[in-house]
PDB file of N, CA and C in Angstrom:
ATOM      1  N   MET A   1       0.857  -1.169   0.000  1.00  0.00           N
ATOM      2  CA  MET A   1       0.000   0.000   0.000  1.00  0.00           C
ATOM      3  C   MET A   1       0.898   1.225   0.000  1.00  0.00           C
ATOM      4  N   THR A   2       0.530   2.218  -0.711  1.00  0.00           N
ATOM      5  CA  THR A   2       1.338   3.425  -0.815  1.00  0.00           C
ATOM      6  C   THR A   2       0.603   4.597  -0.198  1.00  0.00           C
ATOM      7  N   THR A   3       1.311   5.717  -0.107  1.00  0.00           N
ATOM      8  CA  THR A   3       0.651   6.910   0.410  1.00  0.00           C
ATOM      9  C   THR A   3      -0.454   7.359  -0.535  1.00  0.00           C
ATOM     10  N   ALA A   4      -0.340   7.020  -1.829  1.00  0.00           N
ATOM     11  CA  ALA A   4      -1.412   7.347  -2.771  1.00  0.00           C
ATOM     12  C   ALA A   4      -2.676   6.571  -2.428  1.00  0.00           C
ATOM     13  N   THR A   5      -2.509   5.350  -1.901  1.00  0.00           N
ATOM     14  CA  THR A   5      -3.651   4.544  -1.488  1.00  0.00           C
ATOM     15  C   THR A   5      -4.275   5.115  -0.217  1.00  0.00           C
ATOM     16  N   TYR A   6      -3.462   5.670   0.622  1.00  0.00           N
ATOM     17  CA  TYR A   6      -3.937   6.235   1.890  1.00  0.00           C
ATOM     18  C   TYR A   6      -3.272   7.596   2.091  1.00  0.00           C
ATOM     19  N   PRO A   7      -3.733   8.614   1.363  1.00  0.00           N
ATOM     20  CA  PRO A   7      -3.031   9.902   1.313  1.00  0.00           C
ATOM     21  C   PRO A   7      -2.997  10.681   2.625  1.00  0.00           C
ATOM     22  N   ASP A   8      -3.908  10.406   3.542  1.00  0.00           N
ATOM     23  CA  ASP A   8      -3.946  11.154   4.800  1.00  0.00           C
ATOM     24  C   ASP A   8      -3.057  10.544   5.880  1.00  0.00           C
ATOM     25  N   ALA A   9      -2.388   9.453   5.570  1.00  0.00           N
ATOM     26  CA  ALA A   9      -1.620   8.728   6.581  1.00  0.00           C
ATOM     27  C   ALA A   9      -0.600   9.604   7.285  1.00  0.00           C
ATOM     28  N   GLU A  10       0.217  10.309   6.531  1.00  0.00           N
ATOM     29  CA  GLU A  10       1.265  11.111   7.173  1.00  0.00           C
ATOM     30  C   GLU A  10       0.670  12.196   8.057  1.00  0.00           C
ATOM     31  N   ARG A  11      -0.346  12.883   7.562  1.00  0.00           N
ATOM     32  CA  ARG A  11      -0.981  13.941   8.353  1.00  0.00           C
ATOM     33  C   ARG A  11      -1.565  13.367   9.649  1.00  0.00           C
ATOM     34  N   LEU A  12      -2.272  12.246   9.538  1.00  0.00           N
ATOM     35  CA  LEU A  12      -2.884  11.633  10.719  1.00  0.00           C
ATOM     36  C   LEU A  12      -1.831  11.167  11.715  1.00  0.00           C
ATOM     37  N   LEU A  13      -0.771  10.580  11.202  1.00  0.00           N
ATOM     38  CA  LEU A  13       0.300  10.119  12.088  1.00  0.00           C
ATOM     39  C   LEU A  13       1.017  11.290  12.756  1.00  0.00           C
ATOM     40  N   GLN A  14       1.271  12.353  12.017  1.00  0.00           N
ATOM     41  CA  GLN A  14       1.921  13.532  12.603  1.00  0.00           C
ATOM     42  C   GLN A  14       1.024  14.179  13.658  1.00  0.00           C
ATOM     43  N   GLU A  15      -0.288  14.233  13.393  1.00  0.00           N
ATOM     44  CA  GLU A  15      -1.222  14.782  14.380  1.00  0.00           C
ATOM     45  C   GLU A  15      -1.250  13.910  15.634  1.00  0.00           C
ATOM     46  N   ALA A  16      -1.281  12.596  15.438  1.00  0.00           N
ATOM     47  CA  ALA A  16      -1.273  11.681  16.590  1.00  0.00           C
ATOM     48  C   ALA A  16       0.013  11.841  17.382  1.00  0.00           C
ATOM     49  N   ARG A  17       1.124  11.982  16.678  1.00  0.00           N
ATOM     50  CA  ARG A  17       2.416  12.158  17.349  1.00  0.00           C
ATOM     51  C   ARG A  17       2.435  13.437  18.181  1.00  0.00           C
ATOM     52  N   ALA A  18       1.972  14.526  17.596  1.00  0.00           N
ATOM     53  CA  ALA A  18       1.946  15.808  18.311  1.00  0.00           C
ATOM     54  C   ALA A  18       1.063  15.708  19.553  1.00  0.00           C
ATOM     55  N   HIS A  19      -0.072  15.048  19.429  1.00  0.00           N
ATOM     56  CA  HIS A  19      -0.980  14.888  20.567  1.00  0.00           C
ATOM     57  C   HIS A  19      -0.318  14.060  21.676  1.00  0.00           C
ATOM     58  N   LEU A  20       0.345  12.978  21.310  1.00  0.00           N
ATOM     59  CA  LEU A  20       1.001  12.135  22.311  1.00  0.00           C
ATOM     60  C   LEU A  20       2.137  12.872  23.009  1.00  0.00           C
ATOM     61  N   VAL A  21       2.922  13.621  22.251  1.00  0.00           N
ATOM     62  CA  VAL A  21       4.021  14.402  22.847  1.00  0.00           C
ATOM     63  C   VAL A  21       3.450  15.449  23.804  1.00  0.00           C
ATOM     64  N   GLU A  22       2.351  16.072  23.415  1.00  0.00           N
ATOM     65  CA  GLU A  22       1.707  17.066  24.285  1.00  0.00           C
ATOM     66  C   GLU A  22       1.202  16.422  25.569  1.00  0.00           C
ATOM     67  N   ARG A  23       0.576  15.256  25.456  1.00  0.00           N
ATOM     68  CA  ARG A  23       0.076  14.563  26.654  1.00  0.00           C
ATOM     69  C   ARG A  23       1.227  14.172  27.579  1.00  0.00           C
ATOM     70  N   LEU A  24       2.323  13.694  26.997  1.00  0.00           N
ATOM     71  CA  LEU A  24       3.489  13.357  27.808  1.00  0.00           C
ATOM     72  C   LEU A  24       3.987  14.591  28.553  1.00  0.00           C
ATOM     73  N   ALA A  25       4.072  15.716  27.864  1.00  0.00           N
ATOM     74  CA  ALA A  25       4.528  16.957  28.494  1.00  0.00           C
ATOM     75  C   ALA A  25       3.587  17.374  29.619  1.00  0.00           C
ATOM     76  N   GLN A  26       2.292  17.216  29.412  1.00  0.00           N
ATOM     77  CA  GLN A  26       1.321  17.568  30.449  1.00  0.00           C
ATOM     78  C   GLN A  26       1.511  16.724  31.711  1.00  0.00           C
ATOM     79  N   LEU A  27       1.986  15.504  31.518  1.00  0.00           N
ATOM     80  CA  LEU A  27       2.239  14.620  32.658  1.00  0.00           C
ATOM     81  C   LEU A  27       3.625  14.808  33.250  1.00  0.00           C
ATOM     82  N   GLY A  28       4.416  15.701  32.634  1.00  0.00           N
ATOM     83  CA  GLY A  28       5.751  15.979  33.145  1.00  0.00           C
ATOM     84  C   GLY A  28       6.811  15.042  32.605  1.00  0.00           C
ATOM     85  N   ALA A  29       6.562  14.469  31.417  1.00  0.00           N
ATOM     86  CA  ALA A  29       7.515  13.532  30.839  1.00  0.00           C
ATOM     87  C   ALA A  29       8.068  14.055  29.519  1.00  0.00           C
ATOM     88  N   GLU A  30       9.244  13.589  29.202  1.00  0.00           N
ATOM     89  CA  GLU A  30       9.885  13.891  27.929  1.00  0.00           C
ATOM     90  C   GLU A  30       9.373  12.905  26.883  1.00  0.00           C
ATOM     91  N   GLU A  31       9.734  13.143  25.616  1.00  0.00           N
ATOM     92  CA  GLU A  31       9.337  12.231  24.529  1.00  0.00           C
ATOM     93  C   GLU A  31       9.849  10.816  24.756  1.00  0.00           C
ATOM     94  N   ASN A  32      10.985  10.680  25.421  1.00  0.00           N
ATOM     95  CA  ASN A  32      11.559   9.353  25.653  1.00  0.00           C
ATOM     96  C   ASN A  32      10.885   8.615  26.814  1.00  0.00           C
ATOM     97  N   GLY A  33       9.884   9.243  27.428  1.00  0.00           N
ATOM     98  CA  GLY A  33       9.154   8.610  28.513  1.00  0.00           C
ATOM     99  C   GLY A  33       9.709   8.871  29.894  1.00  0.00           C
ATOM    100  N   GLU A  34      10.811   9.584  29.974  1.00  0.00           N
ATOM    101  CA  GLU A  34      11.409   9.898  31.276  1.00  0.00           C
ATOM    102  C   GLU A  34      10.701  11.094  31.896  1.00  0.00           C
ATOM    103  N   LEU A  35      10.436  11.004  33.197  1.00  0.00           N
ATOM    104  CA  LEU A  35       9.854  12.142  33.901  1.00  0.00           C
ATOM    105  C   LEU A  35      10.908  13.229  34.052  1.00  0.00           C
ATOM    106  N   ARG A  36      10.469  14.478  33.891  1.00  0.00           N
ATOM    107  CA  ARG A  36      11.386  15.599  34.103  1.00  0.00           C
ATOM    108  C   ARG A  36      11.736  15.654  35.589  1.00  0.00           C
ATOM    109  N   PRO A  37      12.941  16.084  35.908  1.00  0.00           N
ATOM    110  CA  PRO A  37      13.353  16.125  37.315  1.00  0.00           C
ATOM    111  C   PRO A  37      12.551  17.107  38.158  1.00  0.00           C
ATOM    112  N   ASP A  38      11.884  18.071  37.532  1.00  0.00           N
ATOM    113  CA  ASP A  38      11.135  19.064  38.291  1.00  0.00           C
ATOM    114  C   ASP A  38       9.722  18.610  38.651  1.00  0.00           C
ATOM    115  N   VAL A  39       9.333  17.402  38.251  1.00  0.00           N
ATOM    116  CA  VAL A  39       7.992  16.902  38.561  1.00  0.00           C
ATOM    117  C   VAL A  39       7.953  16.456  40.008  1.00  0.00           C
ATOM    118  N   GLU A  40       6.981  16.998  40.751  1.00  0.00           N
ATOM    119  CA  GLU A  40       6.841  16.665  42.164  1.00  0.00           C
ATOM    120  C   GLU A  40       5.491  16.024  42.406  1.00  0.00           C
ATOM    121  N   PHE A  41       5.466  15.088  43.346  1.00  0.00           N
ATOM    122  CA  PHE A  41       4.233  14.381  43.697  1.00  0.00           C
ATOM    123  C   PHE A  41       3.857  14.585  45.157  1.00  0.00           C
ATOM    124  N   GLY A  42       4.342  15.648  45.754  1.00  0.00           N
ATOM    125  CA  GLY A  42       4.065  15.898  47.166  1.00  0.00           C
ATOM    126  C   GLY A  42       5.214  15.380  48.010  1.00  0.00           C
ATOM    127  N   ASP A  43       5.512  16.086  49.076  1.00  0.00           N
ATOM    128  CA  ASP A  43       6.660  15.676  49.878  1.00  0.00           C
ATOM    129  C   ASP A  43       6.349  15.575  51.364  1.00  0.00           C
ATOM    130  N   GLY A  44       5.085  15.728  51.733  1.00  0.00           N
ATOM    131  CA  GLY A  44       4.730  15.609  53.141  1.00  0.00           C
ATOM    132  C   GLY A  44       4.671  14.154  53.573  1.00  0.00           C
ATOM    133  N   PHE A  45       5.106  13.865  54.800  1.00  0.00           N
ATOM    134  CA  PHE A  45       5.119  12.488  55.297  1.00  0.00           C
ATOM    135  C   PHE A  45       3.716  11.891  55.298  1.00  0.00           C
ATOM    136  N   ALA A  46       2.732  12.678  55.709  1.00  0.00           N
ATOM    137  CA  ALA A  46       1.356  12.176  55.768  1.00  0.00           C
ATOM    138  C   ALA A  46       0.814  11.865  54.373  1.00  0.00           C
ATOM    139  N   ASP A  47       1.344  12.524  53.375  1.00  0.00           N
ATOM    140  CA  ASP A  47       0.865  12.317  52.015  1.00  0.00           C
ATOM    141  C   ASP A  47       1.741  11.358  51.215  1.00  0.00           C
ATOM    142  N   ALA A  48       2.654  10.663  51.873  1.00  0.00           N
ATOM    143  CA  ALA A  48       3.585   9.793  51.157  1.00  0.00           C
ATOM    144  C   ALA A  48       2.845   8.717  50.369  1.00  0.00           C
ATOM    145  N   ALA A  49       1.826   8.121  50.962  1.00  0.00           N
ATOM    146  CA  ALA A  49       1.082   7.073  50.264  1.00  0.00           C
ATOM    147  C   ALA A  49       0.344   7.649  49.061  1.00  0.00           C
ATOM    148  N   ALA A  50      -0.252   8.822  49.232  1.00  0.00           N
ATOM    149  CA  ALA A  50      -0.958   9.456  48.113  1.00  0.00           C
ATOM    150  C   ALA A  50       0.018   9.839  47.007  1.00  0.00           C
ATOM    151  N   ALA A  51       1.185  10.356  47.393  1.00  0.00           N
ATOM    152  CA  ALA A  51       2.192  10.732  46.397  1.00  0.00           C
ATOM    153  C   ALA A  51       2.689   9.505  45.647  1.00  0.00           C
ATOM    154  N   THR A  52       2.878   8.401  46.350  1.00  0.00           N
ATOM    155  CA  THR A  52       3.318   7.170  45.707  1.00  0.00           C
ATOM    156  C   THR A  52       2.258   6.653  44.750  1.00  0.00           C
ATOM    157  N   ALA A  53       1.000   6.702  45.165  1.00  0.00           N
ATOM    158  CA  ALA A  53      -0.089   6.253  44.294  1.00  0.00           C
ATOM    159  C   ALA A  53      -0.193   7.132  43.053  1.00  0.00           C
ATOM    160  N   GLU A  54      -0.066   8.441  43.252  1.00  0.00           N
ATOM    161  CA  GLU A  54      -0.131   9.359  42.116  1.00  0.00           C
ATOM    162  C   GLU A  54       1.035   9.117  41.164  1.00  0.00           C
ATOM    163  N   ARG A  55       2.215   8.933  41.705  1.00  0.00           N
ATOM    164  CA  ARG A  55       3.399   8.684  40.875  1.00  0.00           C
ATOM    165  C   ARG A  55       3.230   7.390  40.081  1.00  0.00           C
ATOM    166  N   THR A  56       2.709   6.357  40.718  1.00  0.00           N
ATOM    167  CA  THR A  56       2.486   5.079  40.048  1.00  0.00           C
ATOM    168  C   THR A  56       1.486   5.231  38.909  1.00  0.00           C
ATOM    169  N   GLU A  57       0.419   5.981  39.146  1.00  0.00           N
ATOM    170  CA  GLU A  57      -0.584   6.218  38.109  1.00  0.00           C
ATOM    171  C   GLU A  57       0.018   6.996  36.940  1.00  0.00           C
ATOM    172  N   VAL A  58       0.757   8.046  37.243  1.00  0.00           N
ATOM    173  CA  VAL A  58       1.380   8.858  36.197  1.00  0.00           C
ATOM    174  C   VAL A  58       2.375   8.021  35.397  1.00  0.00           C
ATOM    175  N   LEU A  59       3.186   7.215  36.068  1.00  0.00           N
ATOM    176  CA  LEU A  59       4.154   6.375  35.372  1.00  0.00           C
ATOM    177  C   LEU A  59       3.454   5.377  34.446  1.00  0.00           C
ATOM    178  N   GLY A  60       2.317   4.851  34.871  1.00  0.00           N
ATOM    179  CA  GLY A  60       1.549   3.944  34.024  1.00  0.00           C
ATOM    180  C   GLY A  60       1.021   4.652  32.788  1.00  0.00           C
ATOM    181  N   LEU A  61       0.505   5.863  32.974  1.00  0.00           N
ATOM    182  CA  LEU A  61       0.020   6.644  31.836  1.00  0.00           C
ATOM    183  C   LEU A  61       1.152   7.001  30.887  1.00  0.00           C
ATOM    184  N   VAL A  62       2.279   7.416  31.444  1.00  0.00           N
ATOM    185  CA  VAL A  62       3.441   7.769  30.630  1.00  0.00           C
ATOM    186  C   VAL A  62       3.902   6.550  29.831  1.00  0.00           C
ATOM    187  N   ASP A  63       3.947   5.400  30.465  1.00  0.00           N
ATOM    188  CA  ASP A  63       4.372   4.184  29.776  1.00  0.00           C
ATOM    189  C   ASP A  63       3.436   3.863  28.612  1.00  0.00           C
ATOM    190  N   SER A  64       2.159   3.979  28.827  1.00  0.00           N
ATOM    191  CA  SER A  64       1.178   3.717  27.773  1.00  0.00           C
ATOM    192  C   SER A  64       1.313   4.712  26.623  1.00  0.00           C
ATOM    193  N   LEU A  65       1.447   5.991  26.955  1.00  0.00           N
ATOM    194  CA  LEU A  65       1.614   7.015  25.926  1.00  0.00           C
ATOM    195  C   LEU A  65       2.906   6.803  25.147  1.00  0.00           C
ATOM    196  N   LYS A  66       3.970   6.423  25.837  1.00  0.00           N
ATOM    197  CA  LYS A  66       5.258   6.177  25.179  1.00  0.00           C
ATOM    198  C   LYS A  66       5.149   5.009  24.207  1.00  0.00           C
ATOM    199  N   LYS A  67       4.444   3.964  24.584  1.00  0.00           N
ATOM    200  CA  LYS A  67       4.246   2.828  23.675  1.00  0.00           C
ATOM    201  C   LYS A  67       3.466   3.271  22.445  1.00  0.00           C
ATOM    202  N   ASN A  68       2.436   4.084  22.644  1.00  0.00           N
ATOM    203  CA  ASN A  68       1.668   4.600  21.509  1.00  0.00           C
ATOM    204  C   ASN A  68       2.553   5.466  20.610  1.00  0.00           C
ATOM    205  N   LEU A  69       3.394   6.292  21.219  1.00  0.00           N
ATOM    206  CA  LEU A  69       4.302   7.145  20.448  1.00  0.00           C
ATOM    207  C   LEU A  69       5.289   6.289  19.648  1.00  0.00           C
ATOM    208  N   ASP A  70       5.781   5.220  20.245  1.00  0.00           N
ATOM    209  CA  ASP A  70       6.682   4.312  19.533  1.00  0.00           C
ATOM    210  C   ASP A  70       5.974   3.693  18.323  1.00  0.00           C
ATOM    211  N   ASP A  71       4.707   3.325  18.489  1.00  0.00           N
ATOM    212  CA  ASP A  71       3.928   2.763  17.375  1.00  0.00           C
ATOM    213  C   ASP A  71       3.782   3.784  16.248  1.00  0.00           C
ATOM    214  N   VAL A  72       3.488   5.022  16.610  1.00  0.00           N
ATOM    215  CA  VAL A  72       3.330   6.075  15.602  1.00  0.00           C
ATOM    216  C   VAL A  72       4.656   6.307  14.884  1.00  0.00           C
ATOM    217  N   ASP A  73       5.752   6.365  15.633  1.00  0.00           N
ATOM    218  CA  ASP A  73       7.067   6.578  15.021  1.00  0.00           C
ATOM    219  C   ASP A  73       7.432   5.426  14.082  1.00  0.00           C
ATOM    220  N   LEU A  74       7.100   4.204  14.459  1.00  0.00           N
ATOM    221  CA  LEU A  74       7.369   3.056  13.601  1.00  0.00           C
ATOM    222  C   LEU A  74       6.546   3.149  12.314  1.00  0.00           C
ATOM    223  N   ALA A  75       5.283   3.521  12.433  1.00  0.00           N
ATOM    224  CA  ALA A  75       4.438   3.684  11.244  1.00  0.00           C
ATOM    225  C   ALA A  75       4.973   4.801  10.342  1.00  0.00           C
ATOM    226  N   LEU A  76       5.457   5.873  10.932  1.00  0.00           N
ATOM    227  CA  LEU A  76       6.051   6.952  10.133  1.00  0.00           C
ATOM    228  C   LEU A  76       7.300   6.472   9.391  1.00  0.00           C
ATOM    229  N   ARG A  77       8.114   5.645  10.061  1.00  0.00           N
ATOM    230  CA  ARG A  77       9.297   5.087   9.387  1.00  0.00           C
ATOM    231  C   ARG A  77       8.867   4.177   8.227  1.00  0.00           C
ATOM    232  N   GLN A  78       7.822   3.376   8.467  1.00  0.00           N
ATOM    233  CA  GLN A  78       7.299   2.514   7.401  1.00  0.00           C
ATOM    234  C   GLN A  78       6.843   3.363   6.216  1.00  0.00           C
ATOM    235  N   LEU A  79       6.200   4.475   6.519  1.00  0.00           N
ATOM    236  CA  LEU A  79       5.719   5.378   5.474  1.00  0.00           C
ATOM    237  C   LEU A  79       6.892   5.944   4.676  1.00  0.00           C
ATOM    238  N   GLU A  80       7.921   6.402   5.387  1.00  0.00           N
ATOM    239  CA  GLU A  80       9.110   6.964   4.733  1.00  0.00           C
ATOM    240  C   GLU A  80       9.807   5.936   3.841  1.00  0.00           C
ATOM    241  N   GLU A  81       9.791   4.682   4.273  1.00  0.00           N
ATOM    242  CA  GLU A  81      10.476   3.621   3.536  1.00  0.00           C
ATOM    243  C   GLU A  81       9.607   3.017   2.438  1.00  0.00           C
ATOM    244  N   GLY A  82       8.382   3.530   2.292  1.00  0.00           N
ATOM    245  CA  GLY A  82       7.486   3.016   1.256  1.00  0.00           C
ATOM    246  C   GLY A  82       6.862   1.676   1.583  1.00  0.00           C
ATOM    247  N   ARG A  83       6.877   1.311   2.860  1.00  0.00           N
ATOM    248  CA  ARG A  83       6.318   0.018   3.281  1.00  0.00           C
ATOM    249  C   ARG A  83       5.072   0.179   4.134  1.00  0.00           C
ATOM    250  N   TYR A  84       4.528   1.390   4.167  1.00  0.00           N
ATOM    251  CA  TYR A  84       3.332   1.643   4.978  1.00  0.00           C
ATOM    252  C   TYR A  84       2.191   0.775   4.473  1.00  0.00           C
ATOM    253  N   GLY A  85       1.491   0.132   5.396  1.00  0.00           N
ATOM    254  CA  GLY A  85       0.366  -0.729   5.038  1.00  0.00           C
ATOM    255  C   GLY A  85       0.756  -2.171   4.820  1.00  0.00           C
ATOM    256  N   THR A  86       2.040  -2.495   5.050  1.00  0.00           N
ATOM    257  CA  THR A  86       2.523  -3.863   4.931  1.00  0.00           C
ATOM    258  C   THR A  86       2.820  -4.394   6.329  1.00  0.00           C
ATOM    259  N   CYS A  87       2.255  -5.536   6.650  1.00  0.00           N
ATOM    260  CA  CYS A  87       2.426  -6.136   7.974  1.00  0.00           C
ATOM    261  C   CYS A  87       3.892  -6.489   8.209  1.00  0.00           C
ATOM    262  N   LEU A  88       4.423  -6.077   9.350  1.00  0.00           N
ATOM    263  CA  LEU A  88       5.815  -6.370   9.693  1.00  0.00           C
ATOM    264  C   LEU A  88       6.053  -7.854   9.936  1.00  0.00           C
ATOM    265  N   ARG A  89       5.025  -8.587  10.333  1.00  0.00           N
ATOM    266  CA  ARG A  89       5.206  -9.996  10.661  1.00  0.00           C
ATOM    267  C   ARG A  89       5.059 -10.894   9.431  1.00  0.00           C
ATOM    268  N   CYS A  90       3.938 -10.792   8.720  1.00  0.00           N
ATOM    269  CA  CYS A  90       3.674 -11.726   7.619  1.00  0.00           C
ATOM    270  C   CYS A  90       3.933 -11.132   6.243  1.00  0.00           C
ATOM    271  N   GLY A  91       4.109  -9.825   6.159  1.00  0.00           N
ATOM    272  CA  GLY A  91       4.346  -9.181   4.877  1.00  0.00           C
ATOM    273  C   GLY A  91       3.094  -8.947   4.056  1.00  0.00           C
ATOM    274  N   GLY A  92       1.946  -9.335   4.605  1.00  0.00           N
ATOM    275  CA  GLY A  92       0.680  -9.120   3.908  1.00  0.00           C
ATOM    276  C   GLY A  92       0.215  -7.678   4.040  1.00  0.00           C
ATOM    277  N   GLU A  93      -0.835  -7.375   3.337  1.00  0.00           N
ATOM    278  CA  GLU A  93      -1.378  -6.013   3.358  1.00  0.00           C
ATOM    279  C   GLU A  93      -2.216  -5.798   4.617  1.00  0.00           C
ATOM    280  N   ILE A  94      -2.027  -4.652   5.225  1.00  0.00           N
ATOM    281  CA  ILE A  94      -2.883  -4.240   6.339  1.00  0.00           C
ATOM    282  C   ILE A  94      -4.086  -3.569   5.699  1.00  0.00           C
ATOM    283  N   GLY A  95      -5.256  -4.001   6.032  1.00  0.00           N
ATOM    284  CA  GLY A  95      -6.457  -3.483   5.400  1.00  0.00           C
ATOM    285  C   GLY A  95      -6.636  -1.983   5.583  1.00  0.00           C
ATOM    286  N   ALA A  96      -7.189  -1.358   4.552  1.00  0.00           N
ATOM    287  CA  ALA A  96      -7.431   0.091   4.593  1.00  0.00           C
ATOM    288  C   ALA A  96      -8.366   0.462   5.735  1.00  0.00           C
ATOM    289  N   GLY A  97      -9.330  -0.397   6.042  1.00  0.00           N
ATOM    290  CA  GLY A  97     -10.242  -0.136   7.153  1.00  0.00           C
ATOM    291  C   GLY A  97      -9.498  -0.042   8.477  1.00  0.00           C
ATOM    292  N   ARG A  98      -8.570  -0.971   8.688  1.00  0.00           N
ATOM    293  CA  ARG A  98      -7.765  -0.943   9.924  1.00  0.00           C
ATOM    294  C   ARG A  98      -6.919   0.319   9.976  1.00  0.00           C
ATOM    295  N   LEU A  99      -6.293   0.662   8.850  1.00  0.00           N
ATOM    296  CA  LEU A  99      -5.444   1.850   8.828  1.00  0.00           C
ATOM    297  C   LEU A  99      -6.242   3.131   8.995  1.00  0.00           C
ATOM    298  N   SER A 100      -7.484   3.140   8.553  1.00  0.00           N
ATOM    299  CA  SER A 100      -8.287   4.353   8.730  1.00  0.00           C
ATOM    300  C   SER A 100      -8.667   4.538  10.191  1.00  0.00           C
ATOM    301  N   ILE A 101      -8.792   3.443  10.928  1.00  0.00           N
ATOM    302  CA  ILE A 101      -9.126   3.517  12.360  1.00  0.00           C
ATOM    303  C   ILE A 101      -7.870   3.686  13.205  1.00  0.00           C
ATOM    304  N   ARG A 102      -6.824   2.950  12.837  1.00  0.00           N
ATOM    305  CA  ARG A 102      -5.553   2.982  13.575  1.00  0.00           C
ATOM    306  C   ARG A 102      -4.412   3.166  12.586  1.00  0.00           C
ATOM    307  N   PRO A 103      -4.170   4.414  12.160  1.00  0.00           N
ATOM    308  CA  PRO A 103      -3.126   4.636  11.158  1.00  0.00           C
ATOM    309  C   PRO A 103      -1.738   4.200  11.609  1.00  0.00           C
ATOM    310  N   GLU A 104      -1.549   4.026  12.903  1.00  0.00           N
ATOM    311  CA  GLU A 104      -0.242   3.603  13.415  1.00  0.00           C
ATOM    312  C   GLU A 104      -0.047   2.084  13.358  1.00  0.00           C
ATOM    313  N   SER A 105      -1.009   1.366  12.818  1.00  0.00           N
ATOM    314  CA  SER A 105      -0.915  -0.093  12.738  1.00  0.00           C
ATOM    315  C   SER A 105       0.242  -0.529  11.847  1.00  0.00           C
ATOM    316  N   VAL A 106       1.024  -1.470  12.349  1.00  0.00           N
ATOM    317  CA  VAL A 106       2.107  -2.041  11.554  1.00  0.00           C
ATOM    318  C   VAL A 106       1.928  -3.559  11.416  1.00  0.00           C
ATOM    319  N   TYR A 107       0.843  -4.078  12.001  1.00  0.00           N
ATOM    320  CA  TYR A 107       0.509  -5.500  11.891  1.00  0.00           C
ATOM    321  C   TYR A 107      -0.909  -5.628  11.355  1.00  0.00           C
ATOM    322  N   CYS A 108      -1.130  -6.640  10.532  1.00  0.00           N
ATOM    323  CA  CYS A 108      -2.492  -6.922  10.089  1.00  0.00           C
ATOM    324  C   CYS A 108      -3.294  -7.445  11.275  1.00  0.00           C
ATOM    325  N   VAL A 109      -4.587  -7.515  11.118  1.00  0.00           N
ATOM    326  CA  VAL A 109      -5.462  -7.949  12.221  1.00  0.00           C
ATOM    327  C   VAL A 109      -5.080  -9.345  12.698  1.00  0.00           C
ATOM    328  N   GLU A 110      -4.828 -10.254  11.771  1.00  0.00           N
ATOM    329  CA  GLU A 110      -4.511 -11.627  12.143  1.00  0.00           C
ATOM    330  C   GLU A 110      -3.231 -11.721  12.966  1.00  0.00           C
ATOM    331  N   CYS A 111      -2.186 -11.044  12.509  1.00  0.00           N
ATOM    332  CA  CYS A 111      -0.912 -11.086  13.239  1.00  0.00           C
ATOM    333  C   CYS A 111      -1.021 -10.385  14.586  1.00  0.00           C
ATOM    334  N   LYS A 112      -1.727  -9.270  14.637  1.00  0.00           N
ATOM    335  CA  LYS A 112      -1.890  -8.546  15.897  1.00  0.00           C
ATOM    336  C   LYS A 112      -2.669  -9.394  16.891  1.00  0.00           C
ATOM    337  N   SER A 113      -3.696 -10.109  16.433  1.00  0.00           N
ATOM    338  CA  SER A 113      -4.499 -10.923  17.350  1.00  0.00           C
ATOM    339  C   SER A 113      -3.689 -12.091  17.887  1.00  0.00           C
ATOM    340  N   ARG A 114      -2.708 -12.586  17.124  1.00  0.00           N
ATOM    341  CA  ARG A 114      -1.842 -13.671  17.599  1.00  0.00           C
ATOM    342  C   ARG A 114      -0.859 -13.204  18.657  1.00  0.00           C
ATOM    343  N   SER A 115      -0.415 -11.944  18.523  1.00  0.00           N
ATOM    344  CA  SER A 115       0.602 -11.429  19.452  1.00  0.00           C
ATOM    345  C   SER A 115       0.001 -10.821  20.705  1.00  0.00           C
ATOM    346  N   GLY A 116      -1.274 -10.503  20.672  1.00  0.00           N
ATOM    347  CA  GLY A 116      -1.941  -9.957  21.840  1.00  0.00           C
ATOM    348  C   GLY A 116      -1.934  -8.519  21.941  1.00  0.00           C
TER     349      GLY A 116
END
């Protein structure tokens, strides 16, 4: 599949990337998923449990966003290399319907369902 087959792919992927980077920044994280050193979760002894819970929640969100960003970056590389829409596992075509819903997809439905 080429960009001519799915002309909005780059725009959609770039928009998704910008949104993910913005969300990471809002949570106090860099693009690489690392929390900035200036991020604080409270320092009072009585609030230690709440601060730990908040930090754990934020780290989980950051990890999820980072994985999504990695998927988008991989799809962008596939696009640049002219392999966008080709499953990384089986080499088959990723359906246009899947790409319209999840432009960052790099696996066809069958391969993705096998990997979980």
